[in-house]
Protein backbone atom coordinates (compact mmCIF):
# COMPACT_ATOMS: atom_id res chain seq x y z
CA PHE A 1 15.00 9.28 12.08
CA HIS A 2 18.28 9.75 13.91
CA ALA A 3 19.67 6.50 12.41
CA ILE A 4 18.69 7.62 8.89
CA LEU A 5 20.12 11.09 9.37
CA HIS A 6 23.41 9.88 10.84
CA LYS A 7 23.64 6.72 8.70
CA HIS A 8 23.68 4.19 11.53
CA VAL A 9 23.04 0.50 10.92
CA LEU A 10 20.35 -0.96 13.20
CA LYS A 11 19.73 -4.35 14.72
CA ILE A 12 15.96 -4.54 14.99
CA LYS A 13 13.69 -6.95 16.82
CA TYR A 14 10.54 -7.06 14.72
CA GLN A 15 7.30 -8.92 15.28
CA SER A 16 4.96 -9.06 12.30
CA PHE A 17 1.29 -9.82 12.80
CA GLY A 18 1.79 -13.35 11.49
CA ASN A 19 4.51 -14.31 13.99
CA THR A 20 4.19 -15.19 17.66
CA LYS A 21 7.82 -14.25 18.36
CA ALA A 22 9.94 -11.28 17.37
CA LYS A 23 12.75 -11.88 14.89
CA SER A 24 16.08 -10.04 14.79
CA LEU A 25 17.30 -8.43 11.60
CA ILE A 26 19.92 -5.98 10.40
CA LEU A 27 18.72 -2.87 8.58
CA HIS A 28 20.48 0.05 6.90
CA PRO A 29 17.63 2.59 7.33
CA HIS A 30 16.97 4.98 4.44
CA TYR A 31 13.46 6.42 4.49
CA LEU A 32 10.36 6.95 6.65
CA LYS A 33 6.87 7.12 5.13
CA GLN A 34 3.43 7.48 6.63
CA PHE A 35 0.43 5.73 5.11
CA ASN A 36 -3.02 5.20 6.57
CA ASN A 37 -2.06 6.51 10.03
CA ARG A 38 0.91 4.15 10.30
CA TRP A 39 4.63 4.89 9.85
CA PHE A 40 6.94 2.62 7.86
CA LEU A 41 10.72 2.35 7.77
CA PHE A 42 12.41 1.45 4.50
CA GLY A 43 15.94 0.27 4.15
CA LYS A 44 18.40 -2.40 3.07
CA ASN A 45 18.41 -5.72 4.86
CA PRO A 46 21.54 -7.65 3.76
CA ASP A 47 19.46 -10.86 3.62
CA PHE A 48 17.27 -9.56 0.76
CA GLU A 49 17.85 -8.09 -2.69
CA THR A 50 14.84 -5.79 -2.54
CA VAL A 51 13.98 -2.89 -0.24
CA SER A 52 12.73 -3.93 3.20
CA ASN A 53 9.66 -2.29 4.67
CA LEU A 54 8.93 -2.38 8.43
CA ALA A 55 5.92 -0.92 10.24
CA LEU A 56 7.23 1.14 13.16
CA ASP A 57 4.51 -0.07 15.52
CA ARG A 58 5.78 -3.65 15.14
CA ILE A 59 9.37 -2.85 16.04
CA VAL A 60 9.87 -4.33 19.51
CA SER A 61 13.35 -2.86 20.04
CA PHE A 62 16.42 -1.67 18.18
CA LYS A 63 20.02 -0.76 18.77
CA GLU A 64 22.71 0.86 16.70
CA LEU A 65 25.52 -1.33 15.39
CA ASP A 66 29.07 -0.32 14.56
CA LEU A 67 28.98 -1.52 10.93
CA PRO A 68 29.65 0.29 7.65
CA PHE A 69 26.45 1.88 6.36
CA VAL A 70 25.16 0.85 2.91
CA GLU A 71 23.59 3.71 0.94
CA SER A 72 20.38 2.98 -0.91
CA GLY A 73 20.84 4.68 -4.27
CA ILE A 74 17.03 4.84 -4.47
CA ASP A 75 15.09 8.04 -5.05
CA TYR A 76 12.21 7.23 -2.72
CA GLU A 77 10.02 10.00 -4.08
CA MET A 78 10.20 8.23 -7.45
CA TYR A 79 9.98 4.79 -5.82
CA PHE A 80 6.49 5.61 -4.52
CA GLU A 81 5.38 7.55 -7.62
CA ASP A 82 3.40 4.68 -9.15
CA ILE A 83 1.84 3.02 -6.09
CA VAL A 84 -0.88 3.63 -3.57
CA GLY A 85 0.41 2.93 -0.09
CA VAL A 86 3.76 1.41 0.82
CA THR A 87 3.83 -2.06 -0.73
CA PHE A 88 5.87 -2.20 -3.90
CA PRO A 89 4.53 -5.19 -5.85
CA VAL A 90 7.13 -7.53 -7.31
CA ASP A 91 6.82 -8.03 -11.09
CA ALA A 92 3.80 -5.71 -11.39
CA GLU A 93 3.36 -3.58 -14.48
CA LEU A 94 2.04 -0.05 -14.68
CA THR A 95 -1.67 -0.53 -15.26
CA LYS A 96 -4.48 1.83 -16.23
CA ILE A 97 -7.37 1.19 -13.86
CA THR A 98 -10.77 2.70 -14.61
CA PHE A 99 -13.57 2.88 -12.10
CA ARG A 100 -16.96 4.52 -11.75
CA ALA A 101 -17.90 6.47 -8.65
CA SER A 102 -21.57 7.01 -7.84
CA PRO A 103 -22.97 10.55 -8.06
CA THR A 104 -22.74 10.72 -4.25
CA LEU A 105 -19.11 9.60 -4.11
CA ALA A 106 -17.81 11.38 -7.22
CA PRO A 107 -17.29 14.83 -5.60
CA TYR A 108 -15.24 13.18 -2.86
CA ILE A 109 -13.04 11.38 -5.41
CA GLN A 110 -12.72 14.61 -7.42
CA THR A 111 -11.48 16.57 -4.41
CA LYS A 112 -9.43 13.79 -2.79
CA PRO A 113 -7.84 11.78 -5.62
CA ILE A 114 -6.88 8.16 -5.06
CA HIS A 115 -3.53 8.74 -6.79
CA GLY A 116 -1.65 11.60 -8.42
CA SER A 117 -2.24 10.13 -11.89
CA GLN A 118 -6.03 10.28 -11.47
CA LYS A 119 -8.03 11.63 -14.42
CA GLN A 120 -11.76 12.09 -14.81
CA LEU A 121 -12.85 10.45 -18.06
CA SER A 122 -16.59 11.11 -18.08
CA GLU A 123 -19.58 12.22 -16.05
CA GLY A 124 -23.17 11.08 -16.33
CA ALA A 125 -26.31 10.05 -14.48
CA GLU A 126 -24.59 6.94 -13.07
CA GLY A 127 -21.66 8.98 -11.75
CA CYS A 128 -18.13 9.78 -12.88
CA VAL A 129 -15.61 7.49 -14.52
CA PHE A 130 -12.02 7.99 -13.39
CA SER A 131 -8.69 6.38 -14.21
CA VAL A 132 -5.39 5.96 -12.41
CA GLU A 133 -2.13 4.53 -13.73
CA VAL A 134 -0.46 2.56 -10.96
CA LEU A 135 1.28 -0.65 -10.04
CA PRO A 136 -1.67 -2.60 -8.58
CA ASN A 137 -1.09 -3.65 -4.98
CA TYR A 138 -2.93 -4.69 -1.84
CA GLU A 139 -3.34 -1.13 -0.53
CA LEU A 140 -4.97 0.01 -3.78
CA GLU A 141 -7.44 -2.87 -3.64
CA ARG A 142 -8.29 -2.10 0.01
CA HIS A 143 -8.71 1.57 -0.79
CA LEU A 144 -11.12 0.87 -3.65
CA LEU A 145 -13.05 -1.70 -1.60
CA ALA A 146 -13.49 0.83 1.20
CA TYR A 147 -15.96 2.73 -0.98
CA GLY A 148 -18.29 -0.29 -1.04
CA GLN A 149 -21.26 -0.10 -3.36
CA GLU A 150 -20.40 3.50 -4.32
CA LEU A 151 -17.46 2.46 -6.56
CA ILE A 152 -17.04 -0.22 -9.21
CA VAL A 153 -13.83 -1.15 -11.01
CA LEU A 154 -14.49 -1.27 -14.76
CA GLU A 155 -11.05 -2.22 -16.12
CA PRO A 156 -8.88 -4.23 -16.16
CA LYS A 157 -11.16 -7.22 -16.11
CA TRP A 158 -8.85 -9.29 -13.87
CA LEU A 159 -9.00 -6.61 -11.16
CA ARG A 160 -12.78 -6.21 -11.51
CA ASN A 161 -13.13 -10.00 -11.07
CA LYS A 162 -10.81 -9.98 -8.06
CA MET A 163 -12.83 -7.19 -6.42
CA GLN A 164 -16.09 -9.00 -7.20
CA ASN A 165 -14.76 -12.21 -5.61
CA ARG A 166 -13.71 -10.32 -2.48
CA LEU A 167 -17.15 -8.75 -2.19
CA LEU A 168 -18.87 -12.12 -2.73
CA SER A 169 -16.70 -13.57 0.02
CA ALA A 170 -17.77 -10.72 2.32
CA ILE A 171 -21.43 -11.42 1.51
CA LYS A 172 -20.90 -15.08 2.46
CA GLN A 173 -19.54 -13.95 5.82
CA TYR A 174 -22.63 -11.83 6.44
CA ASN A 175 -24.93 -14.64 5.27
CA LYS A 176 -23.38 -16.96 7.88
CA LEU A 177 -24.48 -14.54 10.59
CA SER A 178 -28.12 -14.73 9.54
CA PHE A 179 -28.18 -18.46 10.38
CA GLU A 180 -26.68 -18.10 13.85
């Protein structure tokens, strides 16, 4: 927070889950965001064209560098307007996603929307149909999957198929256990 406030460039040692060793990188820090009980730091890494996103709990160490600070020029409130979570998908298009929540789940979805664009389209014996307009990303998929059998994606078809394949893969994992 101090580095963002005072516009200090950082040298960060960062160890992602996929790496056995920490890597050093330079970051011009611009924004902090919390999602799913984890904090993320956004900024400009000179090695990349796009915004860099680092989970704070994976930062091993950091130190301030005496380098000119590069401003972002990004309105981060707008940057996150069309996504769920913190991962901005490359080349994604704003997509209307419709899903049905069971009668048990529907009141929860009504009172705790998945996204600010959420609209309720219908209500019936099978539950409520909702829509959101977002850039589909990993966090959205995980969020929808977390509701299990209480929620089904109706449209777009490619996302419904992707969710179905993930659930079938999960069933295979459980089926393996029954033979052990």
